[in-house]
Amino acid sequence: MPGGASYIGIMKQMRFLMVPALWLAMSLPAAAEKLSLREISTYLNSLGTARAQFTQINEDGTISTGQILIRRPGRVRFEYDPPEAALVVADGATLGIIDPRSNDGPQGYPLNRTPLSIILARNVDLTRARMVTGHVSDGTSTTVRAQDPDNPDYGSIDLVFTANPVELRQWVINDSGGSRTTVVLGELQTGVQLADENFVIPGRDRMRIDR
């Protein structure tokens, strides 16, 4: 992406709506102790496949919903509900954006230049030096801000977890310009069977890849 811009910059072309903070707070369980970085890393590394409904929020006060499929390492699929009906697919190397309303065709970005690559990595180790720049708990959830320690200009990701058992509840992508995109997950179904074709980027042979 130009200037190391992150995934949030890509998603700003889609339409979103603000979700009330109270709604999110009500979806979280009662008080829990702060999760350690090692506990969170172990959880993410155990997350092989997962499926959930999601709500995506942009700072401009708009919302989009859809389904997310995750297959670590390196693969994720966002299927957006109408009217967007857009598709975002990471195939292990490239993050592809397919917007049916665009006349420009598919657009691609190196996955390793986006903060999503942090949670899709083969081996997540949040204890690495300079990877975590924030680690807090509000008594209900634990939030970790992580970045690529070698390329902090790619942006960062805020990961929100609840405990007992450990579960990823949402993330916030922060780009280098200060913009934010939030993804709130519904019930996360793990250990699901996900076919290879879910992570094939349509039109990849004619995709424009921004490096």
N, C-alpha and C. Protein backbone atom coordinates (compact mmCIF):
# COMPACT_ATOMS: atom_id res chain seq x y z
N MET A 1 0.83 -1.19 0.00
CA MET A 1 0.00 0.00 0.00
C MET A 1 0.87 1.25 0.00
N PRO A 2 0.35 2.36 -0.56
CA PRO A 2 1.15 3.56 -0.62
C PRO A 2 1.53 4.02 0.77
N GLY A 3 2.83 4.31 0.96
CA GLY A 3 3.30 4.85 2.23
C GLY A 3 3.06 3.93 3.40
N GLY A 4 2.93 2.63 3.15
CA GLY A 4 2.70 1.70 4.24
C GLY A 4 1.30 1.80 4.82
N ALA A 5 0.35 2.33 4.08
CA ALA A 5 -1.02 2.46 4.57
C ALA A 5 -1.58 1.09 4.89
N SER A 6 -2.41 1.00 5.93
CA SER A 6 -2.89 -0.28 6.40
C SER A 6 -4.25 -0.63 5.82
N TYR A 7 -4.72 -1.78 6.27
CA TYR A 7 -6.01 -2.33 5.83
C TYR A 7 -7.14 -1.33 6.00
N ILE A 8 -7.10 -0.48 7.03
CA ILE A 8 -8.15 0.51 7.25
C ILE A 8 -8.31 1.43 6.07
N GLY A 9 -7.18 1.78 5.44
CA GLY A 9 -7.25 2.66 4.28
C GLY A 9 -8.00 2.02 3.15
N ILE A 10 -7.86 0.72 2.99
CA ILE A 10 -8.58 0.01 1.94
C ILE A 10 -10.08 0.04 2.21
N MET A 11 -10.45 -0.20 3.45
CA MET A 11 -11.84 -0.38 3.78
C MET A 11 -12.64 0.92 3.79
N LYS A 12 -11.97 2.06 3.74
CA LYS A 12 -12.68 3.33 3.80
C LYS A 12 -13.55 3.57 2.58
N GLN A 13 -13.37 2.77 1.52
CA GLN A 13 -14.20 2.90 0.33
C GLN A 13 -15.57 2.27 0.54
N MET A 14 -15.75 1.53 1.63
CA MET A 14 -17.02 0.88 1.92
C MET A 14 -17.82 1.72 2.92
N ARG A 15 -19.11 1.42 3.08
CA ARG A 15 -20.00 2.20 3.92
C ARG A 15 -20.22 1.51 5.26
N PHE A 16 -20.17 2.33 6.33
CA PHE A 16 -20.31 1.78 7.68
C PHE A 16 -21.17 2.72 8.55
N LEU A 17 -21.57 2.29 9.76
CA LEU A 17 -22.38 3.07 10.69
C LEU A 17 -21.95 2.81 12.12
N MET A 18 -21.91 3.84 12.98
CA MET A 18 -21.41 3.69 14.35
C MET A 18 -22.31 2.77 15.16
N VAL A 19 -21.71 1.86 15.91
CA VAL A 19 -22.43 0.99 16.84
C VAL A 19 -22.30 1.57 18.24
N PRO A 20 -23.40 1.73 18.96
CA PRO A 20 -23.31 2.33 20.30
C PRO A 20 -22.39 1.55 21.21
N ALA A 21 -21.59 2.29 21.99
CA ALA A 21 -20.65 1.65 22.90
C ALA A 21 -21.38 0.79 23.93
N LEU A 22 -22.58 1.20 24.33
CA LEU A 22 -23.32 0.43 25.31
C LEU A 22 -23.64 -0.96 24.79
N TRP A 23 -23.98 -1.06 23.50
CA TRP A 23 -24.30 -2.36 22.91
C TRP A 23 -23.12 -3.30 23.01
N LEU A 24 -21.92 -2.79 22.73
CA LEU A 24 -20.72 -3.62 22.83
C LEU A 24 -20.47 -4.02 24.28
N ALA A 25 -20.59 -3.07 25.19
CA ALA A 25 -20.32 -3.37 26.59
C ALA A 25 -21.26 -4.44 27.12
N MET A 26 -22.53 -4.40 26.70
CA MET A 26 -23.50 -5.38 27.17
C MET A 26 -23.20 -6.77 26.65
N SER A 27 -22.45 -6.85 25.55
CA SER A 27 -22.16 -8.16 24.97
C SER A 27 -21.00 -8.86 25.65
N LEU A 28 -20.32 -8.16 26.57
CA LEU A 28 -19.15 -8.72 27.24
C LEU A 28 -19.52 -9.27 28.61
N PRO A 29 -18.83 -10.32 29.05
CA PRO A 29 -19.14 -10.93 30.33
C PRO A 29 -18.66 -10.09 31.51
N ALA A 30 -18.95 -10.58 32.72
CA ALA A 30 -18.62 -9.85 33.94
C ALA A 30 -17.11 -9.80 34.15
N ALA A 31 -16.70 -9.10 35.24
CA ALA A 31 -15.30 -8.81 35.51
C ALA A 31 -14.40 -10.03 35.39
N ALA A 32 -13.22 -9.80 34.81
CA ALA A 32 -12.24 -10.87 34.63
C ALA A 32 -10.85 -10.28 34.80
N GLU A 33 -9.89 -11.13 35.17
CA GLU A 33 -8.53 -10.66 35.35
C GLU A 33 -7.86 -10.40 34.01
N LYS A 34 -6.84 -9.56 34.05
CA LYS A 34 -6.08 -9.23 32.85
C LYS A 34 -5.37 -10.47 32.30
N LEU A 35 -5.56 -10.73 31.02
CA LEU A 35 -4.89 -11.85 30.37
C LEU A 35 -3.44 -11.48 30.07
N SER A 36 -2.53 -12.43 30.23
CA SER A 36 -1.13 -12.17 29.92
C SER A 36 -0.90 -12.27 28.41
N LEU A 37 0.19 -11.68 27.95
CA LEU A 37 0.54 -11.75 26.53
C LEU A 37 0.80 -13.19 26.11
N ARG A 38 1.34 -13.97 27.00
CA ARG A 38 1.59 -15.39 26.68
C ARG A 38 0.27 -16.15 26.52
N GLU A 39 -0.69 -15.87 27.40
CA GLU A 39 -2.00 -16.52 27.29
C GLU A 39 -2.68 -16.16 25.97
N ILE A 40 -2.59 -14.90 25.60
CA ILE A 40 -3.23 -14.45 24.37
C ILE A 40 -2.54 -15.05 23.16
N SER A 41 -1.21 -15.10 23.17
CA SER A 41 -0.46 -15.70 22.07
C SER A 41 -0.83 -17.17 21.91
N THR A 42 -0.91 -17.88 23.03
CA THR A 42 -1.27 -19.30 22.99
C THR A 42 -2.66 -19.49 22.39
N TYR A 43 -3.59 -18.64 22.79
CA TYR A 43 -4.96 -18.71 22.25
C TYR A 43 -4.97 -18.49 20.74
N LEU A 44 -4.30 -17.44 20.28
CA LEU A 44 -4.30 -17.15 18.85
C LEU A 44 -3.64 -18.27 18.05
N ASN A 45 -2.58 -18.84 18.59
CA ASN A 45 -1.91 -19.94 17.89
C ASN A 45 -2.76 -21.20 17.85
N SER A 46 -3.70 -21.32 18.77
CA SER A 46 -4.60 -22.48 18.78
C SER A 46 -5.80 -22.29 17.85
N LEU A 47 -5.96 -21.07 17.36
CA LEU A 47 -7.12 -20.73 16.53
C LEU A 47 -6.82 -21.11 15.08
N GLY A 48 -7.11 -22.35 14.73
CA GLY A 48 -6.84 -22.80 13.37
C GLY A 48 -7.85 -22.29 12.37
N THR A 49 -9.13 -22.61 12.60
CA THR A 49 -10.20 -22.13 11.73
C THR A 49 -11.32 -21.56 12.59
N ALA A 50 -12.04 -20.59 12.04
CA ALA A 50 -13.14 -19.97 12.77
C ALA A 50 -14.10 -19.32 11.78
N ARG A 51 -15.35 -19.17 12.25
CA ARG A 51 -16.38 -18.51 11.46
C ARG A 51 -17.25 -17.70 12.41
N ALA A 52 -17.67 -16.51 11.95
CA ALA A 52 -18.53 -15.67 12.79
C ALA A 52 -19.23 -14.63 11.92
N GLN A 53 -20.33 -14.12 12.41
CA GLN A 53 -20.91 -12.92 11.85
C GLN A 53 -20.12 -11.73 12.41
N PHE A 54 -20.08 -10.64 11.67
CA PHE A 54 -19.35 -9.47 12.17
C PHE A 54 -20.09 -8.19 11.84
N THR A 55 -19.77 -7.18 12.63
CA THR A 55 -20.23 -5.82 12.38
C THR A 55 -18.99 -4.95 12.25
N GLN A 56 -18.88 -4.25 11.15
CA GLN A 56 -17.70 -3.40 10.92
C GLN A 56 -18.10 -1.93 11.02
N ILE A 57 -17.31 -1.19 11.78
CA ILE A 57 -17.63 0.21 12.06
C ILE A 57 -16.50 1.11 11.61
N ASN A 58 -16.86 2.18 10.92
CA ASN A 58 -15.88 3.17 10.50
C ASN A 58 -16.10 4.43 11.30
N GLU A 59 -15.06 5.21 11.48
CA GLU A 59 -15.16 6.44 12.27
C GLU A 59 -16.09 7.47 11.66
N ASP A 60 -16.50 7.28 10.39
CA ASP A 60 -17.41 8.25 9.79
C ASP A 60 -18.86 8.00 10.20
N GLY A 61 -19.11 7.00 11.08
CA GLY A 61 -20.45 6.78 11.61
C GLY A 61 -21.32 5.89 10.76
N THR A 62 -20.73 5.04 9.94
CA THR A 62 -21.50 4.11 9.13
C THR A 62 -21.14 2.68 9.50
N ILE A 63 -21.99 1.72 9.12
CA ILE A 63 -21.81 0.32 9.53
C ILE A 63 -22.01 -0.63 8.37
N SER A 64 -21.34 -1.77 8.43
CA SER A 64 -21.55 -2.85 7.48
C SER A 64 -21.52 -4.16 8.25
N THR A 65 -22.25 -5.15 7.75
CA THR A 65 -22.29 -6.45 8.40
C THR A 65 -21.94 -7.55 7.40
N GLY A 66 -21.65 -8.72 7.92
CA GLY A 66 -21.35 -9.84 7.04
C GLY A 66 -20.84 -11.03 7.81
N GLN A 67 -20.16 -11.92 7.10
CA GLN A 67 -19.60 -13.13 7.69
C GLN A 67 -18.09 -13.15 7.47
N ILE A 68 -17.36 -13.59 8.49
CA ILE A 68 -15.92 -13.73 8.37
C ILE A 68 -15.54 -15.19 8.53
N LEU A 69 -14.62 -15.64 7.68
CA LEU A 69 -14.03 -16.97 7.76
C LEU A 69 -12.53 -16.80 7.98
N ILE A 70 -11.98 -17.52 8.94
CA ILE A 70 -10.55 -17.44 9.25
C ILE A 70 -9.94 -18.82 9.15
N ARG A 71 -8.81 -18.90 8.45
CA ARG A 71 -8.03 -20.13 8.47
C ARG A 71 -6.56 -19.76 8.57
N ARG A 72 -6.05 -19.87 9.76
CA ARG A 72 -4.66 -19.54 9.99
C ARG A 72 -3.79 -20.72 9.58
N PRO A 73 -2.56 -20.40 9.08
CA PRO A 73 -2.01 -19.05 8.91
C PRO A 73 -2.41 -18.41 7.59
N GLY A 74 -2.54 -17.09 7.62
CA GLY A 74 -2.56 -16.29 6.42
C GLY A 74 -3.85 -16.14 5.65
N ARG A 75 -4.94 -16.76 6.11
CA ARG A 75 -6.14 -16.73 5.29
C ARG A 75 -7.34 -16.19 6.06
N VAL A 76 -8.06 -15.29 5.39
CA VAL A 76 -9.28 -14.74 5.96
C VAL A 76 -10.20 -14.34 4.81
N ARG A 77 -11.49 -14.36 5.06
CA ARG A 77 -12.48 -13.99 4.05
C ARG A 77 -13.58 -13.18 4.73
N PHE A 78 -13.82 -11.96 4.25
CA PHE A 78 -14.92 -11.11 4.70
C PHE A 78 -15.96 -11.08 3.59
N GLU A 79 -17.15 -11.59 3.88
CA GLU A 79 -18.26 -11.54 2.93
C GLU A 79 -19.25 -10.49 3.44
N TYR A 80 -19.38 -9.38 2.71
CA TYR A 80 -20.22 -8.28 3.16
C TYR A 80 -21.65 -8.44 2.66
N ASP A 81 -22.59 -8.15 3.55
CA ASP A 81 -24.00 -8.20 3.19
C ASP A 81 -24.36 -7.05 2.25
N PRO A 82 -25.46 -7.19 1.47
CA PRO A 82 -25.95 -6.08 0.66
C PRO A 82 -26.29 -4.90 1.58
N PRO A 83 -26.20 -3.65 1.12
CA PRO A 83 -25.96 -3.28 -0.29
C PRO A 83 -24.49 -3.30 -0.72
N GLU A 84 -23.54 -3.44 0.23
CA GLU A 84 -22.14 -3.45 -0.20
C GLU A 84 -21.84 -4.66 -1.07
N ALA A 85 -22.16 -5.86 -0.54
CA ALA A 85 -21.91 -7.11 -1.27
C ALA A 85 -20.46 -7.22 -1.72
N ALA A 86 -19.56 -6.59 -0.98
CA ALA A 86 -18.14 -6.64 -1.32
C ALA A 86 -17.52 -7.90 -0.74
N LEU A 87 -16.31 -8.19 -1.18
CA LEU A 87 -15.59 -9.37 -0.73
C LEU A 87 -14.14 -8.98 -0.49
N VAL A 88 -13.60 -9.40 0.64
CA VAL A 88 -12.19 -9.19 0.97
C VAL A 88 -11.61 -10.56 1.31
N VAL A 89 -10.55 -10.95 0.60
CA VAL A 89 -9.98 -12.28 0.79
C VAL A 89 -8.46 -12.18 0.91
N ALA A 90 -7.91 -12.84 1.92
CA ALA A 90 -6.46 -13.01 2.03
C ALA A 90 -6.15 -14.46 1.74
N ASP A 91 -5.23 -14.69 0.79
CA ASP A 91 -4.93 -16.06 0.35
C ASP A 91 -3.61 -16.59 0.91
N GLY A 92 -3.07 -15.90 1.89
CA GLY A 92 -1.80 -16.30 2.47
C GLY A 92 -0.67 -15.36 2.13
N ALA A 93 -0.83 -14.63 1.03
CA ALA A 93 0.21 -13.69 0.60
C ALA A 93 -0.36 -12.32 0.25
N THR A 94 -1.56 -12.31 -0.32
CA THR A 94 -2.17 -11.09 -0.83
C THR A 94 -3.54 -10.88 -0.22
N LEU A 95 -3.86 -9.62 0.09
CA LEU A 95 -5.20 -9.24 0.52
C LEU A 95 -5.90 -8.64 -0.68
N GLY A 96 -6.96 -9.30 -1.14
CA GLY A 96 -7.67 -8.85 -2.33
C GLY A 96 -9.00 -8.21 -1.98
N ILE A 97 -9.31 -7.10 -2.66
CA ILE A 97 -10.56 -6.37 -2.47
C ILE A 97 -11.38 -6.48 -3.74
N ILE A 98 -12.58 -7.04 -3.63
CA ILE A 98 -13.46 -7.16 -4.78
C ILE A 98 -14.73 -6.39 -4.46
N ASP A 99 -14.92 -5.26 -5.14
CA ASP A 99 -16.09 -4.41 -4.93
C ASP A 99 -16.92 -4.42 -6.21
N PRO A 100 -18.11 -5.04 -6.21
CA PRO A 100 -18.91 -5.14 -7.43
C PRO A 100 -19.38 -3.79 -7.96
N ARG A 101 -19.30 -2.75 -7.14
CA ARG A 101 -19.72 -1.42 -7.59
C ARG A 101 -18.60 -0.66 -8.28
N SER A 102 -17.40 -1.23 -8.26
CA SER A 102 -16.25 -0.56 -8.87
C SER A 102 -16.02 -1.05 -10.29
N ASN A 103 -15.60 -0.14 -11.16
CA ASN A 103 -15.26 -0.50 -12.54
C ASN A 103 -13.78 -0.80 -12.70
N ASP A 104 -13.03 -0.73 -11.62
CA ASP A 104 -11.58 -0.88 -11.70
C ASP A 104 -11.10 -2.32 -11.56
N GLY A 105 -11.99 -3.24 -11.24
CA GLY A 105 -11.58 -4.62 -11.06
C GLY A 105 -10.97 -4.85 -9.69
N PRO A 106 -10.56 -6.08 -9.40
CA PRO A 106 -10.00 -6.40 -8.08
C PRO A 106 -8.73 -5.61 -7.80
N GLN A 107 -8.53 -5.31 -6.53
CA GLN A 107 -7.32 -4.61 -6.11
C GLN A 107 -6.65 -5.41 -5.01
N GLY A 108 -5.33 -5.52 -5.04
CA GLY A 108 -4.61 -6.34 -4.08
C GLY A 108 -3.53 -5.59 -3.34
N TYR A 109 -3.22 -6.07 -2.15
CA TYR A 109 -2.18 -5.48 -1.30
C TYR A 109 -1.42 -6.62 -0.63
N PRO A 110 -0.12 -6.49 -0.45
CA PRO A 110 0.63 -7.52 0.27
C PRO A 110 0.08 -7.68 1.69
N LEU A 111 -0.27 -8.89 2.06
CA LEU A 111 -0.85 -9.12 3.38
C LEU A 111 0.10 -8.68 4.49
N ASN A 112 1.40 -8.88 4.29
CA ASN A 112 2.35 -8.57 5.35
C ASN A 112 2.53 -7.07 5.58
N ARG A 113 1.86 -6.24 4.77
CA ARG A 113 1.89 -4.79 4.97
C ARG A 113 0.63 -4.30 5.67
N THR A 114 -0.18 -5.22 6.18
CA THR A 114 -1.40 -4.86 6.89
C THR A 114 -1.35 -5.39 8.32
N PRO A 115 -1.98 -4.70 9.28
CA PRO A 115 -1.99 -5.19 10.66
C PRO A 115 -2.68 -6.55 10.82
N LEU A 116 -3.54 -6.92 9.88
CA LEU A 116 -4.19 -8.24 9.98
C LEU A 116 -3.17 -9.37 9.97
N SER A 117 -2.02 -9.13 9.36
CA SER A 117 -1.00 -10.18 9.29
C SER A 117 -0.52 -10.59 10.67
N ILE A 118 -0.68 -9.72 11.66
CA ILE A 118 -0.22 -10.03 13.02
C ILE A 118 -0.99 -11.21 13.59
N ILE A 119 -2.32 -11.22 13.43
CA ILE A 119 -3.11 -12.32 14.00
C ILE A 119 -3.20 -13.51 13.05
N LEU A 120 -2.83 -13.31 11.78
CA LEU A 120 -2.86 -14.42 10.82
C LEU A 120 -1.51 -15.10 10.69
N ALA A 121 -0.51 -14.63 11.43
CA ALA A 121 0.84 -15.20 11.34
C ALA A 121 0.85 -16.67 11.76
N ARG A 122 1.80 -17.41 11.22
CA ARG A 122 1.92 -18.83 11.58
C ARG A 122 2.23 -18.99 13.07
N ASN A 123 3.07 -18.10 13.58
CA ASN A 123 3.43 -18.16 15.00
C ASN A 123 3.26 -16.77 15.61
N VAL A 124 2.21 -16.60 16.38
CA VAL A 124 1.96 -15.32 17.04
C VAL A 124 2.72 -15.30 18.37
N ASP A 125 3.58 -14.31 18.54
CA ASP A 125 4.33 -14.16 19.79
C ASP A 125 4.28 -12.69 20.20
N LEU A 126 3.30 -12.37 21.02
CA LEU A 126 3.12 -10.99 21.44
C LEU A 126 4.15 -10.55 22.48
N THR A 127 4.99 -11.48 22.93
CA THR A 127 6.05 -11.10 23.88
C THR A 127 7.29 -10.57 23.18
N ARG A 128 7.31 -10.59 21.85
CA ARG A 128 8.46 -10.07 21.11
C ARG A 128 8.69 -8.59 21.43
N ALA A 129 9.93 -8.20 21.43
CA ALA A 129 10.28 -6.81 21.71
C ALA A 129 9.62 -5.87 20.71
N ARG A 130 9.02 -4.80 21.23
CA ARG A 130 8.43 -3.72 20.44
C ARG A 130 7.20 -4.15 19.64
N MET A 131 6.68 -5.35 19.86
CA MET A 131 5.47 -5.75 19.15
C MET A 131 4.23 -5.18 19.82
N VAL A 132 4.18 -5.21 21.14
CA VAL A 132 3.02 -4.72 21.88
C VAL A 132 3.33 -3.34 22.45
N THR A 133 2.47 -2.37 22.13
CA THR A 133 2.66 -1.01 22.63
C THR A 133 1.60 -0.62 23.64
N GLY A 134 0.65 -1.51 23.90
CA GLY A 134 -0.38 -1.27 24.90
C GLY A 134 -0.96 -2.58 25.38
N HIS A 135 -1.24 -2.68 26.69
CA HIS A 135 -1.75 -3.93 27.27
C HIS A 135 -2.51 -3.55 28.53
N VAL A 136 -3.85 -3.47 28.43
CA VAL A 136 -4.66 -2.98 29.53
C VAL A 136 -5.87 -3.88 29.74
N SER A 137 -6.47 -3.74 30.93
CA SER A 137 -7.71 -4.44 31.24
C SER A 137 -8.65 -3.47 31.94
N ASP A 138 -9.94 -3.57 31.61
CA ASP A 138 -10.94 -2.73 32.28
C ASP A 138 -11.76 -3.54 33.28
N GLY A 139 -11.29 -4.76 33.60
CA GLY A 139 -12.02 -5.61 34.52
C GLY A 139 -13.04 -6.49 33.83
N THR A 140 -13.31 -6.18 32.57
CA THR A 140 -14.24 -6.96 31.77
C THR A 140 -13.55 -7.64 30.61
N SER A 141 -12.61 -6.92 30.01
CA SER A 141 -11.88 -7.44 28.86
C SER A 141 -10.43 -6.98 28.91
N THR A 142 -9.60 -7.64 28.13
CA THR A 142 -8.19 -7.28 28.00
C THR A 142 -7.95 -6.78 26.58
N THR A 143 -7.30 -5.63 26.46
CA THR A 143 -7.01 -5.06 25.15
C THR A 143 -5.50 -4.98 24.94
N VAL A 144 -5.07 -5.46 23.80
CA VAL A 144 -3.65 -5.43 23.43
C VAL A 144 -3.51 -4.65 22.13
N ARG A 145 -2.60 -3.69 22.10
CA ARG A 145 -2.27 -3.00 20.85
C ARG A 145 -0.96 -3.57 20.33
N ALA A 146 -1.00 -4.11 19.11
CA ALA A 146 0.17 -4.76 18.53
C ALA A 146 0.51 -4.14 17.18
N GLN A 147 1.78 -4.24 16.82
CA GLN A 147 2.26 -3.71 15.55
C GLN A 147 3.40 -4.60 15.05
N ASP A 148 3.75 -4.41 13.78
CA ASP A 148 4.95 -5.06 13.25
C ASP A 148 6.14 -4.30 13.82
N PRO A 149 6.95 -4.91 14.67
CA PRO A 149 8.04 -4.17 15.31
C PRO A 149 9.07 -3.62 14.33
N ASP A 150 9.17 -4.25 13.17
CA ASP A 150 10.12 -3.78 12.16
C ASP A 150 9.53 -2.73 11.23
N ASN A 151 8.20 -2.63 11.20
CA ASN A 151 7.53 -1.69 10.30
C ASN A 151 6.33 -1.06 11.00
N PRO A 152 6.56 -0.26 12.05
CA PRO A 152 5.43 0.35 12.77
C PRO A 152 4.59 1.28 11.91
N ASP A 153 5.15 1.74 10.78
CA ASP A 153 4.40 2.63 9.90
C ASP A 153 3.28 1.90 9.17
N TYR A 154 3.24 0.57 9.24
CA TYR A 154 2.16 -0.17 8.61
C TYR A 154 0.86 -0.06 9.40
N GLY A 155 0.91 0.50 10.59
CA GLY A 155 -0.28 0.62 11.43
C GLY A 155 -0.27 -0.38 12.57
N SER A 156 -1.34 -0.38 13.34
CA SER A 156 -1.42 -1.28 14.49
C SER A 156 -2.82 -1.87 14.58
N ILE A 157 -2.95 -2.88 15.43
CA ILE A 157 -4.24 -3.51 15.65
C ILE A 157 -4.49 -3.62 17.14
N ASP A 158 -5.67 -3.19 17.59
CA ASP A 158 -6.09 -3.35 18.98
C ASP A 158 -6.97 -4.59 19.06
N LEU A 159 -6.54 -5.57 19.83
CA LEU A 159 -7.26 -6.83 19.97
C LEU A 159 -7.94 -6.87 21.33
N VAL A 160 -9.23 -7.16 21.34
CA VAL A 160 -10.00 -7.19 22.58
C VAL A 160 -10.42 -8.63 22.88
N PHE A 161 -10.07 -9.09 24.08
CA PHE A 161 -10.33 -10.47 24.49
C PHE A 161 -11.12 -10.50 25.79
N THR A 162 -11.95 -11.52 25.93
CA THR A 162 -12.54 -11.84 27.21
C THR A 162 -11.95 -13.17 27.68
N ALA A 163 -12.16 -13.48 28.97
CA ALA A 163 -11.54 -14.67 29.56
C ALA A 163 -12.58 -15.71 29.96
N ASN A 164 -12.07 -16.88 30.36
CA ASN A 164 -12.90 -17.97 30.92
C ASN A 164 -14.04 -18.42 30.01
N PRO A 165 -13.74 -18.96 28.86
CA PRO A 165 -12.42 -19.15 28.27
C PRO A 165 -11.97 -17.91 27.50
N VAL A 166 -10.69 -17.89 27.14
CA VAL A 166 -10.17 -16.78 26.33
C VAL A 166 -10.87 -16.77 24.98
N GLU A 167 -11.31 -15.58 24.56
CA GLU A 167 -11.99 -15.46 23.27
C GLU A 167 -11.75 -14.08 22.68
N LEU A 168 -11.46 -14.05 21.40
CA LEU A 168 -11.31 -12.79 20.67
C LEU A 168 -12.70 -12.23 20.40
N ARG A 169 -12.94 -10.99 20.82
CA ARG A 169 -14.26 -10.38 20.68
C ARG A 169 -14.32 -9.30 19.62
N GLN A 170 -13.23 -8.56 19.45
CA GLN A 170 -13.22 -7.52 18.43
C GLN A 170 -11.79 -7.09 18.18
N TRP A 171 -11.60 -6.33 17.08
CA TRP A 171 -10.32 -5.68 16.85
C TRP A 171 -10.57 -4.32 16.23
N VAL A 172 -9.57 -3.47 16.38
CA VAL A 172 -9.60 -2.13 15.79
C VAL A 172 -8.32 -1.94 15.01
N ILE A 173 -8.45 -1.64 13.72
CA ILE A 173 -7.29 -1.35 12.89
C ILE A 173 -7.03 0.14 12.92
N ASN A 174 -5.79 0.52 13.24
CA ASN A 174 -5.37 1.93 13.28
C ASN A 174 -4.34 2.16 12.19
N ASP A 175 -4.63 3.07 11.27
CA ASP A 175 -3.64 3.33 10.23
C ASP A 175 -2.71 4.46 10.64
N SER A 176 -1.69 4.69 9.83
CA SER A 176 -0.68 5.68 10.17
C SER A 176 -1.22 7.10 10.18
N GLY A 177 -2.39 7.31 9.55
CA GLY A 177 -3.00 8.63 9.52
C GLY A 177 -3.97 8.87 10.66
N GLY A 178 -4.14 7.87 11.53
CA GLY A 178 -5.02 8.04 12.69
C GLY A 178 -6.43 7.55 12.47
N SER A 179 -6.75 7.00 11.31
CA SER A 179 -8.09 6.47 11.06
C SER A 179 -8.24 5.10 11.70
N ARG A 180 -9.50 4.77 12.05
CA ARG A 180 -9.77 3.52 12.75
C ARG A 180 -10.94 2.78 12.10
N THR A 181 -10.82 1.47 12.02
CA THR A 181 -11.92 0.60 11.61
C THR A 181 -12.07 -0.48 12.66
N THR A 182 -13.29 -0.66 13.16
CA THR A 182 -13.56 -1.65 14.20
C THR A 182 -14.34 -2.82 13.62
N VAL A 183 -13.95 -4.02 13.99
CA VAL A 183 -14.68 -5.23 13.63
C VAL A 183 -15.11 -5.91 14.93
N VAL A 184 -16.43 -5.98 15.14
CA VAL A 184 -17.00 -6.63 16.31
C VAL A 184 -17.50 -8.01 15.89
N LEU A 185 -17.01 -9.04 16.55
CA LEU A 185 -17.35 -10.40 16.19
C LEU A 185 -18.58 -10.89 16.94
N GLY A 186 -19.42 -11.66 16.24
CA GLY A 186 -20.50 -12.37 16.90
C GLY A 186 -19.94 -13.64 17.51
N GLU A 187 -20.79 -14.63 17.71
CA GLU A 187 -20.33 -15.90 18.29
C GLU A 187 -19.30 -16.55 17.37
N LEU A 188 -18.12 -16.80 17.91
CA LEU A 188 -17.02 -17.35 17.13
C LEU A 188 -17.07 -18.87 17.17
N GLN A 189 -17.33 -19.48 16.02
CA GLN A 189 -17.35 -20.93 15.91
C GLN A 189 -15.96 -21.38 15.45
N THR A 190 -15.29 -22.17 16.26
CA THR A 190 -13.92 -22.57 15.96
C THR A 190 -13.86 -24.04 15.55
N GLY A 191 -12.75 -24.41 14.92
CA GLY A 191 -12.57 -25.79 14.50
C GLY A 191 -13.49 -26.22 13.39
N VAL A 192 -13.96 -25.26 12.58
CA VAL A 192 -14.90 -25.57 11.50
C VAL A 192 -14.15 -25.99 10.24
N GLN A 193 -14.82 -26.73 9.37
CA GLN A 193 -14.24 -27.13 8.10
C GLN A 193 -14.44 -26.00 7.09
N LEU A 194 -13.36 -25.52 6.50
CA LEU A 194 -13.43 -24.44 5.52
C LEU A 194 -12.68 -24.87 4.27
N ALA A 195 -13.39 -24.90 3.16
CA ALA A 195 -12.81 -25.37 1.90
C ALA A 195 -11.78 -24.39 1.36
N ASP A 196 -10.81 -24.91 0.61
CA ASP A 196 -9.75 -24.09 0.04
C ASP A 196 -10.29 -22.96 -0.82
N GLU A 197 -11.39 -23.23 -1.55
CA GLU A 197 -11.90 -22.22 -2.48
C GLU A 197 -12.39 -20.95 -1.80
N ASN A 198 -12.65 -21.03 -0.49
CA ASN A 198 -13.06 -19.82 0.23
C ASN A 198 -11.95 -18.77 0.26
N PHE A 199 -10.72 -19.21 0.05
CA PHE A 199 -9.58 -18.30 0.18
C PHE A 199 -8.85 -18.10 -1.14
N VAL A 200 -9.58 -18.30 -2.22
CA VAL A 200 -9.08 -17.98 -3.56
C VAL A 200 -9.63 -16.61 -3.93
N ILE A 201 -8.76 -15.69 -4.34
CA ILE A 201 -9.19 -14.34 -4.69
C ILE A 201 -9.74 -14.34 -6.10
N PRO A 202 -11.04 -14.04 -6.29
CA PRO A 202 -11.61 -14.00 -7.64
C PRO A 202 -10.90 -12.96 -8.50
N GLY A 203 -10.57 -13.33 -9.72
CA GLY A 203 -9.94 -12.39 -10.64
C GLY A 203 -8.51 -12.05 -10.29
N ARG A 204 -7.83 -12.93 -9.55
CA ARG A 204 -6.48 -12.61 -9.12
C ARG A 204 -5.53 -12.41 -10.29
N ASP A 205 -5.77 -13.08 -11.40
CA ASP A 205 -4.88 -12.98 -12.55
C ASP A 205 -4.91 -11.60 -13.19
N ARG A 206 -5.96 -10.83 -12.93
CA ARG A 206 -6.05 -9.47 -13.48
C ARG A 206 -6.06 -8.41 -12.38
N MET A 207 -5.64 -8.80 -11.21
CA MET A 207 -5.65 -7.90 -10.07
C MET A 207 -4.51 -6.89 -10.13
N ARG A 208 -4.81 -5.66 -9.77
CA ARG A 208 -3.78 -4.64 -9.59
C ARG A 208 -3.26 -4.74 -8.16
N ILE A 209 -1.97 -4.99 -8.01
CA ILE A 209 -1.39 -5.13 -6.68
C ILE A 209 -0.59 -3.88 -6.34
N ASP A 210 -1.01 -3.21 -5.28
CA ASP A 210 -0.36 -1.98 -4.82
C ASP A 210 0.71 -2.36 -3.80
N ARG A 211 1.95 -2.15 -4.14
CA ARG A 211 3.07 -2.47 -3.26
C ARG A 211 3.66 -1.22 -2.62
